[in-house]
Each structure stands twice: as structure tokens, then as C-alpha cells.
Amino acid sequence: MTEYFSETQYFSEIQTLAAVPSLSRAQLGVFLAEGLIAAHPSPEGAVFRAVDVARLALLCDLAEHFDLQGDALAVVIALIDQLHITRQHLRAMAQALEVEPQDLRARVGARFIGLLAV
């Protein structure tokens, strides 16, 4: 998937399949049934957000290039989800520290580096 999609854009099933060439309708059904992706209801039927399309591309890459299926694919995608959440938390912590006085930031930074070295 080489195109950029805005976060608020929604894709029908047909548009989603076109955006992820390696995704088949059957594979999309499996990913939905296994809870690896969720469709969003709309008056026109189920739709997918840009982030869902990117996730589907990742799922296809993991399945195709690493031969991951079923539980193995679910574990890997869950670990990737946890990594993204951890990055969000770290980013939020950095933003919270940005507004603090320099001396506090220096102490926290030194302590953080000390903890990483353990």
C-alpha cells in the first residue's frame, strides 16, 4: 500500500480490496472472523478506516512473507499493538515533561537513563 489515506476517510469492501492488492475477499473474511480487524457499520454497509486498511496490509505481509496464520498471526499482531500503545504512552510522557522546568527534566532524564542501564 503506497498511497496516503487520511484518517477520516472510509473505504468500502471493494475499495479496501483494491487498496490492498494482496488481500482476497476470503482472507478478509478470515481476518474479520478471527477478530484481527473490525469493520465499521455505515448506511452503505461495512466500511474500513485508513488505519484498518494499513492493518490489513500488514496482516497480509505477515501472512505472506512470514507464513503466519491463525494463532501465530494473532500473537504477532497483538505484540505489535502493544508496541504501538507503549510508544503512545512514551510520547505522552515526553510531552508532559516538555512543560516542566529544565532541572526537573534533567533529573528525570538522568534517572531514566540510569534505569535503562540496569
PDB file of N, CA and C in Angstrom:
ATOM      1  N   MET A   1       0.844  -1.161   0.000  1.00  0.00           N
ATOM      2  CA  MET A   1       0.000   0.000   0.000  1.00  0.00           C
ATOM      3  C   MET A   1       0.893   1.228   0.000  1.00  0.00           C
ATOM      4  N   THR A   2       0.946   1.925  -1.106  1.00  0.00           N
ATOM      5  CA  THR A   2       1.851   3.051  -1.232  1.00  0.00           C
ATOM      6  C   THR A   2       1.156   4.395  -1.135  1.00  0.00           C
ATOM      7  N   GLU A   3      -0.163   4.428  -1.161  1.00  0.00           N
ATOM      8  CA  GLU A   3      -0.894   5.680  -1.115  1.00  0.00           C
ATOM      9  C   GLU A   3      -1.071   6.148   0.317  1.00  0.00           C
ATOM     10  N   TYR A   4      -1.225   7.465   0.470  1.00  0.00           N
ATOM     11  CA  TYR A   4      -1.519   8.039   1.779  1.00  0.00           C
ATOM     12  C   TYR A   4      -3.030   8.209   1.904  1.00  0.00           C
ATOM     13  N   PHE A   5      -3.582   7.769   3.015  1.00  0.00           N
ATOM     14  CA  PHE A   5      -5.014   7.897   3.255  1.00  0.00           C
ATOM     15  C   PHE A   5      -5.215   8.749   4.495  1.00  0.00           C
ATOM     16  N   SER A   6      -6.163   9.674   4.432  1.00  0.00           N
ATOM     17  CA  SER A   6      -6.459  10.474   5.614  1.00  0.00           C
ATOM     18  C   SER A   6      -7.148   9.589   6.648  1.00  0.00           C
ATOM     19  N   GLU A   7      -7.017   9.953   7.905  1.00  0.00           N
ATOM     20  CA  GLU A   7      -7.571   9.138   8.994  1.00  0.00           C
ATOM     21  C   GLU A   7      -9.095   9.095   8.966  1.00  0.00           C
ATOM     22  N   THR A   8      -9.727  10.107   8.405  1.00  0.00           N
ATOM     23  CA  THR A   8     -11.185  10.156   8.423  1.00  0.00           C
ATOM     24  C   THR A   8     -11.820   9.553   7.173  1.00  0.00           C
ATOM     25  N   GLN A   9     -11.009   9.108   6.260  1.00  0.00           N
ATOM     26  CA  GLN A   9     -11.535   8.508   5.041  1.00  0.00           C
ATOM     27  C   GLN A   9     -11.995   7.081   5.333  1.00  0.00           C
ATOM     28  N   TYR A  10     -13.108   6.706   4.724  1.00  0.00           N
ATOM     29  CA  TYR A  10     -13.634   5.355   4.887  1.00  0.00           C
ATOM     30  C   TYR A  10     -13.632   4.651   3.543  1.00  0.00           C
ATOM     31  N   PHE A  11     -13.441   3.329   3.589  1.00  0.00           N
ATOM     32  CA  PHE A  11     -13.334   2.520   2.393  1.00  0.00           C
ATOM     33  C   PHE A  11     -14.367   1.406   2.435  1.00  0.00           C
ATOM     34  N   SER A  12     -15.043   1.232   1.333  1.00  0.00           N
ATOM     35  CA  SER A  12     -15.957   0.091   1.212  1.00  0.00           C
ATOM     36  C   SER A  12     -15.106  -1.177   1.102  1.00  0.00           C
ATOM     37  N   GLU A  13     -15.769  -2.316   1.133  1.00  0.00           N
ATOM     38  CA  GLU A  13     -15.036  -3.573   0.981  1.00  0.00           C
ATOM     39  C   GLU A  13     -14.312  -3.609  -0.366  1.00  0.00           C
ATOM     40  N   ILE A  14     -14.982  -3.176  -1.419  1.00  0.00           N
ATOM     41  CA  ILE A  14     -14.370  -3.183  -2.753  1.00  0.00           C
ATOM     42  C   ILE A  14     -13.166  -2.246  -2.799  1.00  0.00           C
ATOM     43  N   GLN A  15     -13.289  -1.061  -2.216  1.00  0.00           N
ATOM     44  CA  GLN A  15     -12.170  -0.116  -2.180  1.00  0.00           C
ATOM     45  C   GLN A  15     -11.023  -0.661  -1.344  1.00  0.00           C
ATOM     46  N   THR A  16     -11.363  -1.343  -0.258  1.00  0.00           N
ATOM     47  CA  THR A  16     -10.341  -1.924   0.608  1.00  0.00           C
ATOM     48  C   THR A  16      -9.577  -3.011  -0.133  1.00  0.00           C
ATOM     49  N   LEU A  17     -10.296  -3.868  -0.819  1.00  0.00           N
ATOM     50  CA  LEU A  17      -9.642  -4.931  -1.589  1.00  0.00           C
ATOM     51  C   LEU A  17      -8.754  -4.340  -2.688  1.00  0.00           C
ATOM     52  N   ALA A  18      -9.178  -3.236  -3.282  1.00  0.00           N
ATOM     53  CA  ALA A  18      -8.370  -2.585  -4.315  1.00  0.00           C
ATOM     54  C   ALA A  18      -7.128  -1.921  -3.713  1.00  0.00           C
ATOM     55  N   ALA A  19      -7.259  -1.382  -2.496  1.00  0.00           N
ATOM     56  CA  ALA A  19      -6.145  -0.690  -1.838  1.00  0.00           C
ATOM     57  C   ALA A  19      -5.075  -1.657  -1.341  1.00  0.00           C
ATOM     58  N   VAL A  20      -5.472  -2.905  -1.072  1.00  0.00           N
ATOM     59  CA  VAL A  20      -4.532  -3.924  -0.590  1.00  0.00           C
ATOM     60  C   VAL A  20      -4.557  -5.075  -1.601  1.00  0.00           C
ATOM     61  N   PRO A  21      -3.746  -4.982  -2.657  1.00  0.00           N
ATOM     62  CA  PRO A  21      -3.806  -5.977  -3.736  1.00  0.00           C
ATOM     63  C   PRO A  21      -3.579  -7.422  -3.283  1.00  0.00           C
ATOM     64  N   SER A  22      -2.823  -7.613  -2.216  1.00  0.00           N
ATOM     65  CA  SER A  22      -2.548  -8.975  -1.751  1.00  0.00           C
ATOM     66  C   SER A  22      -3.680  -9.552  -0.903  1.00  0.00           C
ATOM     67  N   LEU A  23      -4.720  -8.754  -0.651  1.00  0.00           N
ATOM     68  CA  LEU A  23      -5.848  -9.182   0.180  1.00  0.00           C
ATOM     69  C   LEU A  23      -6.966  -9.745  -0.694  1.00  0.00           C
ATOM     70  N   SER A  24      -7.377 -10.962  -0.401  1.00  0.00           N
ATOM     71  CA  SER A  24      -8.519 -11.552  -1.106  1.00  0.00           C
ATOM     72  C   SER A  24      -9.769 -11.380  -0.256  1.00  0.00           C
ATOM     73  N   ARG A  25     -10.915 -11.512  -0.874  1.00  0.00           N
ATOM     74  CA  ARG A  25     -12.185 -11.414  -0.145  1.00  0.00           C
ATOM     75  C   ARG A  25     -12.240 -12.514   0.930  1.00  0.00           C
ATOM     76  N   ALA A  26     -11.787 -13.718   0.586  1.00  0.00           N
ATOM     77  CA  ALA A  26     -11.797 -14.826   1.553  1.00  0.00           C
ATOM     78  C   ALA A  26     -10.887 -14.524   2.737  1.00  0.00           C
ATOM     79  N   GLN A  27      -9.706 -13.975   2.449  1.00  0.00           N
ATOM     80  CA  GLN A  27      -8.765 -13.657   3.526  1.00  0.00           C
ATOM     81  C   GLN A  27      -9.327 -12.544   4.413  1.00  0.00           C
ATOM     82  N   LEU A  28      -9.989 -11.561   3.809  1.00  0.00           N
ATOM     83  CA  LEU A  28     -10.636 -10.507   4.593  1.00  0.00           C
ATOM     84  C   LEU A  28     -11.669 -11.123   5.532  1.00  0.00           C
ATOM     85  N   GLY A  29     -12.440 -12.072   5.038  1.00  0.00           N
ATOM     86  CA  GLY A  29     -13.421 -12.759   5.870  1.00  0.00           C
ATOM     87  C   GLY A  29     -12.780 -13.485   7.041  1.00  0.00           C
ATOM     88  N   VAL A  30     -11.643 -14.118   6.797  1.00  0.00           N
ATOM     89  CA  VAL A  30     -10.919 -14.824   7.868  1.00  0.00           C
ATOM     90  C   VAL A  30     -10.430 -13.825   8.912  1.00  0.00           C
ATOM     91  N   PHE A  31      -9.825 -12.720   8.461  1.00  0.00           N
ATOM     92  CA  PHE A  31      -9.320 -11.705   9.391  1.00  0.00           C
ATOM     93  C   PHE A  31     -10.453 -11.126  10.243  1.00  0.00           C
ATOM     94  N   LEU A  32     -11.608 -10.918   9.627  1.00  0.00           N
ATOM     95  CA  LEU A  32     -12.775 -10.425  10.367  1.00  0.00           C
ATOM     96  C   LEU A  32     -13.258 -11.470  11.371  1.00  0.00           C
ATOM     97  N   ALA A  33     -13.374 -12.715  10.937  1.00  0.00           N
ATOM     98  CA  ALA A  33     -13.867 -13.791  11.804  1.00  0.00           C
ATOM     99  C   ALA A  33     -12.937 -14.035  12.985  1.00  0.00           C
ATOM    100  N   GLU A  34     -11.635 -13.876  12.766  1.00  0.00           N
ATOM    101  CA  GLU A  34     -10.660 -14.108  13.840  1.00  0.00           C
ATOM    102  C   GLU A  34     -10.476 -12.887  14.728  1.00  0.00           C
ATOM    103  N   GLY A  35     -11.175 -11.801  14.428  1.00  0.00           N
ATOM    104  CA  GLY A  35     -11.084 -10.600  15.251  1.00  0.00           C
ATOM    105  C   GLY A  35      -9.797  -9.817  15.072  1.00  0.00           C
ATOM    106  N   LEU A  36      -9.081 -10.053  13.994  1.00  0.00           N
ATOM    107  CA  LEU A  36      -7.833  -9.341  13.747  1.00  0.00           C
ATOM    108  C   LEU A  36      -8.080  -7.946  13.166  1.00  0.00           C
ATOM    109  N   ILE A  37      -9.281  -7.749  12.662  1.00  0.00           N
ATOM    110  CA  ILE A  37      -9.698  -6.472  12.102  1.00  0.00           C
ATOM    111  C   ILE A  37     -11.199  -6.344  12.347  1.00  0.00           C
ATOM    112  N   ALA A  38     -11.676  -5.124  12.436  1.00  0.00           N
ATOM    113  CA  ALA A  38     -13.110  -4.907  12.628  1.00  0.00           C
ATOM    114  C   ALA A  38     -13.620  -3.942  11.574  1.00  0.00           C
ATOM    115  N   ALA A  39     -14.735  -4.274  10.985  1.00  0.00           N
ATOM    116  CA  ALA A  39     -15.396  -3.369  10.045  1.00  0.00           C
ATOM    117  C   ALA A  39     -16.279  -2.418  10.846  1.00  0.00           C
ATOM    118  N   HIS A  40     -16.564  -1.280  10.257  1.00  0.00           N
ATOM    119  CA  HIS A  40     -17.399  -0.275  10.918  1.00  0.00           C
ATOM    120  C   HIS A  40     -18.706  -0.159  10.145  1.00  0.00           C
ATOM    121  N   PRO A  41     -19.832  -0.189  10.845  1.00  0.00           N
ATOM    122  CA  PRO A  41     -21.118  -0.125  10.142  1.00  0.00           C
ATOM    123  C   PRO A  41     -21.360   1.262   9.552  1.00  0.00           C
ATOM    124  N   SER A  42     -22.007   1.275   8.409  1.00  0.00           N
ATOM    125  CA  SER A  42     -22.423   2.518   7.779  1.00  0.00           C
ATOM    126  C   SER A  42     -23.721   2.238   7.030  1.00  0.00           C
ATOM    127  N   PRO A  43     -24.437   3.272   6.615  1.00  0.00           N
ATOM    128  CA  PRO A  43     -25.682   3.045   5.860  1.00  0.00           C
ATOM    129  C   PRO A  43     -25.459   2.255   4.567  1.00  0.00           C
ATOM    130  N   GLU A  44     -24.260   2.362   4.001  1.00  0.00           N
ATOM    131  CA  GLU A  44     -23.951   1.650   2.756  1.00  0.00           C
ATOM    132  C   GLU A  44     -23.404   0.244   3.004  1.00  0.00           C
ATOM    133  N   GLY A  45     -23.240  -0.134   4.241  1.00  0.00           N
ATOM    134  CA  GLY A  45     -22.656  -1.432   4.584  1.00  0.00           C
ATOM    135  C   GLY A  45     -21.374  -1.239   5.367  1.00  0.00           C
ATOM    136  N   ALA A  46     -20.659  -2.314   5.560  1.00  0.00           N
ATOM    137  CA  ALA A  46     -19.430  -2.270   6.342  1.00  0.00           C
ATOM    138  C   ALA A  46     -18.366  -1.444   5.623  1.00  0.00           C
ATOM    139  N   VAL A  47     -17.646  -0.642   6.395  1.00  0.00           N
ATOM    140  CA  VAL A  47     -16.553   0.164   5.852  1.00  0.00           C
ATOM    141  C   VAL A  47     -15.327   0.013   6.740  1.00  0.00           C
ATOM    142  N   PHE A  48     -14.201   0.430   6.195  1.00  0.00           N
ATOM    143  CA  PHE A  48     -12.925   0.355   6.906  1.00  0.00           C
ATOM    144  C   PHE A  48     -12.275   1.726   6.895  1.00  0.00           C
ATOM    145  N   ARG A  49     -11.652   2.082   8.014  1.00  0.00           N
ATOM    146  CA  ARG A  49     -10.905   3.337   8.105  1.00  0.00           C
ATOM    147  C   ARG A  49      -9.524   3.146   7.477  1.00  0.00           C
ATOM    148  N   ALA A  50      -8.828   4.238   7.265  1.00  0.00           N
ATOM    149  CA  ALA A  50      -7.483   4.177   6.696  1.00  0.00           C
ATOM    150  C   ALA A  50      -6.563   3.319   7.557  1.00  0.00           C
ATOM    151  N   VAL A  51      -6.680   3.440   8.879  1.00  0.00           N
ATOM    152  CA  VAL A  51      -5.835   2.648   9.765  1.00  0.00           C
ATOM    153  C   VAL A  51      -6.158   1.156   9.634  1.00  0.00           C
ATOM    154  N   ASP A  52      -7.423   0.834   9.355  1.00  0.00           N
ATOM    155  CA  ASP A  52      -7.812  -0.563   9.137  1.00  0.00           C
ATOM    156  C   ASP A  52      -7.192  -1.102   7.847  1.00  0.00           C
ATOM    157  N   VAL A  53      -7.174  -0.257   6.818  1.00  0.00           N
ATOM    158  CA  VAL A  53      -6.574  -0.666   5.540  1.00  0.00           C
ATOM    159  C   VAL A  53      -5.080  -0.917   5.728  1.00  0.00           C
ATOM    160  N   ALA A  54      -4.416  -0.043   6.484  1.00  0.00           N
ATOM    161  CA  ALA A  54      -2.989  -0.241   6.765  1.00  0.00           C
ATOM    162  C   ALA A  54      -2.774  -1.524   7.568  1.00  0.00           C
ATOM    163  N   ARG A  55      -3.647  -1.794   8.526  1.00  0.00           N
ATOM    164  CA  ARG A  55      -3.539  -3.017   9.328  1.00  0.00           C
ATOM    165  C   ARG A  55      -3.742  -4.256   8.447  1.00  0.00           C
ATOM    166  N   LEU A  56      -4.692  -4.179   7.532  1.00  0.00           N
ATOM    167  CA  LEU A  56      -4.917  -5.295   6.614  1.00  0.00           C
ATOM    168  C   LEU A  56      -3.684  -5.542   5.741  1.00  0.00           C
ATOM    169  N   ALA A  57      -3.042  -4.476   5.285  1.00  0.00           N
ATOM    170  CA  ALA A  57      -1.815  -4.630   4.500  1.00  0.00           C
ATOM    171  C   ALA A  57      -0.730  -5.305   5.337  1.00  0.00           C
ATOM    172  N   LEU A  58      -0.616  -4.899   6.599  1.00  0.00           N
ATOM    173  CA  LEU A  58       0.358  -5.532   7.495  1.00  0.00           C
ATOM    174  C   LEU A  58       0.024  -7.000   7.723  1.00  0.00           C
ATOM    175  N   LEU A  59      -1.238  -7.293   7.973  1.00  0.00           N
ATOM    176  CA  LEU A  59      -1.653  -8.688   8.171  1.00  0.00           C
ATOM    177  C   LEU A  59      -1.308  -9.532   6.943  1.00  0.00           C
ATOM    178  N   CYS A  60      -1.567  -8.997   5.764  1.00  0.00           N
ATOM    179  CA  CYS A  60      -1.244  -9.729   4.533  1.00  0.00           C
ATOM    180  C   CYS A  60       0.258  -9.958   4.403  1.00  0.00           C
ATOM    181  N   ASP A  61       1.051  -8.926   4.716  1.00  0.00           N
ATOM    182  CA  ASP A  61       2.505  -9.073   4.657  1.00  0.00           C
ATOM    183  C   ASP A  61       2.996 -10.132   5.632  1.00  0.00           C
ATOM    184  N   LEU A  62       2.479 -10.108   6.848  1.00  0.00           N
ATOM    185  CA  LEU A  62       2.890 -11.103   7.848  1.00  0.00           C
ATOM    186  C   LEU A  62       2.487 -12.512   7.421  1.00  0.00           C
ATOM    187  N   ALA A  63       1.296 -12.639   6.880  1.00  0.00           N
ATOM    188  CA  ALA A  63       0.822 -13.956   6.441  1.00  0.00           C
ATOM    189  C   ALA A  63       1.627 -14.453   5.247  1.00  0.00           C
ATOM    190  N   GLU A  64       1.902 -13.557   4.308  1.00  0.00           N
ATOM    191  CA  GLU A  64       2.585 -13.958   3.079  1.00  0.00           C
ATOM    192  C   GLU A  64       4.091 -14.143   3.265  1.00  0.00           C
ATOM    193  N   HIS A  65       4.738 -13.169   3.844  1.00  0.00           N
ATOM    194  CA  HIS A  65       6.203 -13.192   3.922  1.00  0.00           C
ATOM    195  C   HIS A  65       6.745 -14.012   5.080  1.00  0.00           C
ATOM    196  N   PHE A  66       5.962 -14.148   6.141  1.00  0.00           N
ATOM    197  CA  PHE A  66       6.431 -14.904   7.306  1.00  0.00           C
ATOM    198  C   PHE A  66       5.616 -16.164   7.540  1.00  0.00           C
ATOM    199  N   ASP A  67       4.685 -16.433   6.640  1.00  0.00           N
ATOM    200  CA  ASP A  67       3.851 -17.628   6.706  1.00  0.00           C
ATOM    201  C   ASP A  67       3.152 -17.756   8.063  1.00  0.00           C
ATOM    202  N   LEU A  68       2.645 -16.631   8.559  1.00  0.00           N
ATOM    203  CA  LEU A  68       1.922 -16.628   9.833  1.00  0.00           C
ATOM    204  C   LEU A  68       0.434 -16.787   9.569  1.00  0.00           C
ATOM    205  N   GLN A  69      -0.198 -17.649  10.319  1.00  0.00           N
ATOM    206  CA  GLN A  69      -1.635 -17.903  10.192  1.00  0.00           C
ATOM    207  C   GLN A  69      -2.215 -18.106  11.586  1.00  0.00           C
ATOM    208  N   GLY A  70      -3.509 -17.963  11.707  1.00  0.00           N
ATOM    209  CA  GLY A  70      -4.227 -18.305  12.935  1.00  0.00           C
ATOM    210  C   GLY A  70      -3.656 -17.681  14.181  1.00  0.00           C
ATOM    211  N   ASP A  71      -3.401 -18.535  15.174  1.00  0.00           N
ATOM    212  CA  ASP A  71      -2.930 -18.063  16.479  1.00  0.00           C
ATOM    213  C   ASP A  71      -1.592 -17.334  16.394  1.00  0.00           C
ATOM    214  N   ALA A  72      -0.697 -17.808  15.544  1.00  0.00           N
ATOM    215  CA  ALA A  72       0.619 -17.158  15.420  1.00  0.00           C
ATOM    216  C   ALA A  72       0.460 -15.730  14.909  1.00  0.00           C
ATOM    217  N   LEU A  73      -0.391 -15.544  13.921  1.00  0.00           N
ATOM    218  CA  LEU A  73      -0.636 -14.206  13.394  1.00  0.00           C
ATOM    219  C   LEU A  73      -1.295 -13.326  14.451  1.00  0.00           C
ATOM    220  N   ALA A  74      -2.208 -13.883  15.207  1.00  0.00           N
ATOM    221  CA  ALA A  74      -2.884 -13.129  16.278  1.00  0.00           C
ATOM    222  C   ALA A  74      -1.891 -12.689  17.349  1.00  0.00           C
ATOM    223  N   VAL A  75      -0.961 -13.559  17.704  1.00  0.00           N
ATOM    224  CA  VAL A  75       0.036 -13.209  18.725  1.00  0.00           C
ATOM    225  C   VAL A  75       0.935 -12.092  18.226  1.00  0.00           C
ATOM    226  N   VAL A  76       1.410 -12.205  16.995  1.00  0.00           N
ATOM    227  CA  VAL A  76       2.310 -11.188  16.450  1.00  0.00           C
ATOM    228  C   VAL A  76       1.601  -9.842  16.338  1.00  0.00           C
ATOM    229  N   ILE A  77       0.380  -9.823  15.852  1.00  0.00           N
ATOM    230  CA  ILE A  77      -0.334  -8.552  15.705  1.00  0.00           C
ATOM    231  C   ILE A  77      -0.667  -7.965  17.080  1.00  0.00           C
ATOM    232  N   ALA A  78      -0.930  -8.813  18.074  1.00  0.00           N
ATOM    233  CA  ALA A  78      -1.166  -8.321  19.443  1.00  0.00           C
ATOM    234  C   ALA A  78       0.106  -7.685  20.007  1.00  0.00           C
ATOM    235  N   LEU A  79       1.257  -8.274  19.731  1.00  0.00           N
ATOM    236  CA  LEU A  79       2.525  -7.691  20.187  1.00  0.00           C
ATOM    237  C   LEU A  79       2.788  -6.357  19.498  1.00  0.00           C
ATOM    238  N   ILE A  80       2.477  -6.269  18.222  1.00  0.00           N
ATOM    239  CA  ILE A  80       2.638  -5.010  17.501  1.00  0.00           C
ATOM    240  C   ILE A  80       1.698  -3.958  18.086  1.00  0.00           C
ATOM    241  N   ASP A  81       0.465  -4.349  18.397  1.00  0.00           N
ATOM    242  CA  ASP A  81      -0.486  -3.429  19.032  1.00  0.00           C
ATOM    243  C   ASP A  81       0.068  -2.922  20.364  1.00  0.00           C
ATOM    244  N   GLN A  82       0.633  -3.824  21.167  1.00  0.00           N
ATOM    245  CA  GLN A  82       1.204  -3.430  22.455  1.00  0.00           C
ATOM    246  C   GLN A  82       2.366  -2.458  22.262  1.00  0.00           C
ATOM    247  N   LEU A  83       3.173  -2.694  21.243  1.00  0.00           N
ATOM    248  CA  LEU A  83       4.284  -1.798  20.955  1.00  0.00           C
ATOM    249  C   LEU A  83       3.775  -0.400  20.595  1.00  0.00           C
ATOM    250  N   HIS A  84       2.730  -0.324  19.786  1.00  0.00           N
ATOM    251  CA  HIS A  84       2.159   0.970  19.423  1.00  0.00           C
ATOM    252  C   HIS A  84       1.610   1.691  20.650  1.00  0.00           C
ATOM    253  N   ILE A  85       0.946   0.969  21.535  1.00  0.00           N
ATOM    254  CA  ILE A  85       0.405   1.572  22.759  1.00  0.00           C
ATOM    255  C   ILE A  85       1.544   2.087  23.638  1.00  0.00           C
ATOM    256  N   THR A  86       2.600   1.302  23.761  1.00  0.00           N
ATOM    257  CA  THR A  86       3.748   1.710  24.563  1.00  0.00           C
ATOM    258  C   THR A  86       4.387   2.969  23.989  1.00  0.00           C
ATOM    259  N   ARG A  87       4.491   3.041  22.672  1.00  0.00           N
ATOM    260  CA  ARG A  87       5.044   4.239  22.031  1.00  0.00           C
ATOM    261  C   ARG A  87       4.153   5.454  22.302  1.00  0.00           C
ATOM    262  N   GLN A  88       2.835   5.271  22.273  1.00  0.00           N
ATOM    263  CA  GLN A  88       1.916   6.376  22.577  1.00  0.00           C
ATOM    264  C   GLN A  88       2.110   6.855  24.006  1.00  0.00           C
ATOM    265  N   HIS A  89       2.263   5.917  24.924  1.00  0.00           N
ATOM    266  CA  HIS A  89       2.470   6.275  26.332  1.00  0.00           C
ATOM    267  C   HIS A  89       3.793   7.014  26.517  1.00  0.00           C
ATOM    268  N   LEU A  90       4.834   6.545  25.876  1.00  0.00           N
ATOM    269  CA  LEU A  90       6.139   7.193  25.981  1.00  0.00           C
ATOM    270  C   LEU A  90       6.091   8.606  25.384  1.00  0.00           C
ATOM    271  N   ARG A  91       5.398   8.744  24.259  1.00  0.00           N
ATOM    272  CA  ARG A  91       5.245  10.057  23.626  1.00  0.00           C
ATOM    273  C   ARG A  91       4.479  11.005  24.561  1.00  0.00           C
ATOM    274  N   ALA A  92       3.427  10.502  25.212  1.00  0.00           N
ATOM    275  CA  ALA A  92       2.646  11.322  26.144  1.00  0.00           C
ATOM    276  C   ALA A  92       3.497  11.745  27.332  1.00  0.00           C
ATOM    277  N   MET A  93       4.320  10.827  27.830  1.00  0.00           N
ATOM    278  CA  MET A  93       5.203  11.161  28.951  1.00  0.00           C
ATOM    279  C   MET A  93       6.205  12.235  28.542  1.00  0.00           C
ATOM    280  N   ALA A  94       6.757  12.115  27.350  1.00  0.00           N
ATOM    281  CA  ALA A  94       7.701  13.122  26.863  1.00  0.00           C
ATOM    282  C   ALA A  94       7.021  14.472  26.722  1.00  0.00           C
ATOM    283  N   GLN A  95       5.789  14.495  26.246  1.00  0.00           N
ATOM    284  CA  GLN A  95       5.055  15.753  26.111  1.00  0.00           C
ATOM    285  C   GLN A  95       4.754  16.359  27.481  1.00  0.00           C
ATOM    286  N   ALA A  96       4.434  15.512  28.450  1.00  0.00           N
ATOM    287  CA  ALA A  96       4.170  16.009  29.803  1.00  0.00           C
ATOM    288  C   ALA A  96       5.441  16.616  30.401  1.00  0.00           C
ATOM    289  N   LEU A  97       6.577  16.004  30.150  1.00  0.00           N
ATOM    290  CA  LEU A  97       7.835  16.510  30.701  1.00  0.00           C
ATOM    291  C   LEU A  97       8.319  17.768  29.997  1.00  0.00           C
ATOM    292  N   GLU A  98       7.919  17.967  28.753  1.00  0.00           N
ATOM    293  CA  GLU A  98       8.340  19.145  27.994  1.00  0.00           C
ATOM    294  C   GLU A  98       7.976  20.452  28.684  1.00  0.00           C
ATOM    295  N   VAL A  99       6.874  20.477  29.390  1.00  0.00           N
ATOM    296  CA  VAL A  99       6.405  21.722  30.012  1.00  0.00           C
ATOM    297  C   VAL A  99       6.954  21.912  31.430  1.00  0.00           C
ATOM    298  N   GLU A 100       7.694  20.949  31.899  1.00  0.00           N
ATOM    299  CA  GLU A 100       8.261  21.039  33.249  1.00  0.00           C
ATOM    300  C   GLU A 100       9.577  21.823  33.209  1.00  0.00           C
ATOM    301  N   PRO A 101       9.994  22.350  34.369  1.00  0.00           N
ATOM    302  CA  PRO A 101      11.255  23.097  34.422  1.00  0.00           C
ATOM    303  C   PRO A 101      12.448  22.229  34.012  1.00  0.00           C
ATOM    304  N   GLN A 102      13.464  22.889  33.488  1.00  0.00           N
ATOM    305  CA  GLN A 102      14.656  22.198  32.980  1.00  0.00           C
ATOM    306  C   GLN A 102      15.300  21.312  34.045  1.00  0.00           C
ATOM    307  N   ASP A 103      15.385  21.777  35.294  1.00  0.00           N
ATOM    308  CA  ASP A 103      16.037  20.975  36.333  1.00  0.00           C
ATOM    309  C   ASP A 103      15.283  19.669  36.578  1.00  0.00           C
ATOM    310  N   LEU A 104      13.958  19.721  36.561  1.00  0.00           N
ATOM    311  CA  LEU A 104      13.164  18.506  36.733  1.00  0.00           C
ATOM    312  C   LEU A 104      13.369  17.569  35.551  1.00  0.00           C
ATOM    313  N   ARG A 105      13.358  18.122  34.323  1.00  0.00           N
ATOM    314  CA  ARG A 105      13.575  17.299  33.136  1.00  0.00           C
ATOM    315  C   ARG A 105      14.942  16.628  33.186  1.00  0.00           C
ATOM    316  N   ALA A 106      15.941  17.354  33.653  1.00  0.00           N
ATOM    317  CA  ALA A 106      17.295  16.799  33.737  1.00  0.00           C
ATOM    318  C   ALA A 106      17.349  15.664  34.756  1.00  0.00           C
ATOM    319  N   ARG A 107      16.711  15.859  35.916  1.00  0.00           N
ATOM    320  CA  ARG A 107      16.706  14.802  36.936  1.00  0.00           C
ATOM    321  C   ARG A 107      15.975  13.558  36.432  1.00  0.00           C
ATOM    322  N   VAL A 108      14.801  13.754  35.825  1.00  0.00           N
ATOM    323  CA  VAL A 108      14.027  12.620  35.306  1.00  0.00           C
ATOM    324  C   VAL A 108      14.809  11.930  34.198  1.00  0.00           C
ATOM    325  N   GLY A 109      15.432  12.695  33.306  1.00  0.00           N
ATOM    326  CA  GLY A 109      16.215  12.114  32.221  1.00  0.00           C
ATOM    327  C   GLY A 109      17.389  11.301  32.746  1.00  0.00           C
ATOM    328  N   ALA A 110      18.079  11.812  33.749  1.00  0.00           N
ATOM    329  CA  ALA A 110      19.208  11.085  34.335  1.00  0.00           C
ATOM    330  C   ALA A 110      18.726   9.801  35.005  1.00  0.00           C
ATOM    331  N   ARG A 111      17.632   9.885  35.718  1.00  0.00           N
ATOM    332  CA  ARG A 111      17.062   8.693  36.381  1.00  0.00           C
ATOM    333  C   ARG A 111      16.628   7.661  35.348  1.00  0.00           C
ATOM    334  N   PHE A 112      15.999   8.124  34.289  1.00  0.00           N
ATOM    335  CA  PHE A 112      15.547   7.239  33.211  1.00  0.00           C
ATOM    336  C   PHE A 112      16.722   6.497  32.592  1.00  0.00           C
ATOM    337  N   ILE A 113      17.781   7.220  32.279  1.00  0.00           N
ATOM    338  CA  ILE A 113      18.976   6.600  31.692  1.00  0.00           C
ATOM    339  C   ILE A 113      19.589   5.621  32.674  1.00  0.00           C
ATOM    340  N   GLY A 114      19.587   5.975  33.959  1.00  0.00           N
ATOM    341  CA  GLY A 114      20.103   5.059  34.975  1.00  0.00           C
ATOM    342  C   GLY A 114      19.296   3.762  35.046  1.00  0.00           C
ATOM    343  N   LEU A 115      18.001   3.872  34.934  1.00  0.00           N
ATOM    344  CA  LEU A 115      17.141   2.680  34.974  1.00  0.00           C
ATOM    345  C   LEU A 115      17.336   1.806  33.732  1.00  0.00           C
ATOM    346  N   LEU A 116      17.583   2.417  32.597  1.00  0.00           N
ATOM    347  CA  LEU A 116      17.804   1.655  31.374  1.00  0.00           C
ATOM    348  C   LEU A 116      19.108   0.861  31.436  1.00  0.00           C
ATOM    349  N   ALA A 117      20.075   1.394  32.175  1.00  0.00           N
ATOM    350  CA  ALA A 117      21.390   0.746  32.264  1.00  0.00           C
ATOM    351  C   ALA A 117      21.364  -0.482  33.178  1.00  0.00           C
ATOM    352  N   VAL A 118      20.314  -0.654  33.942  1.00  0.00           N
ATOM    353  CA  VAL A 118      20.244  -1.758  34.904  1.00  0.00           C
ATOM    354  C   VAL A 118      20.026  -3.071  34.185  1.00  0.00           C
TER     355      VAL A 118
END
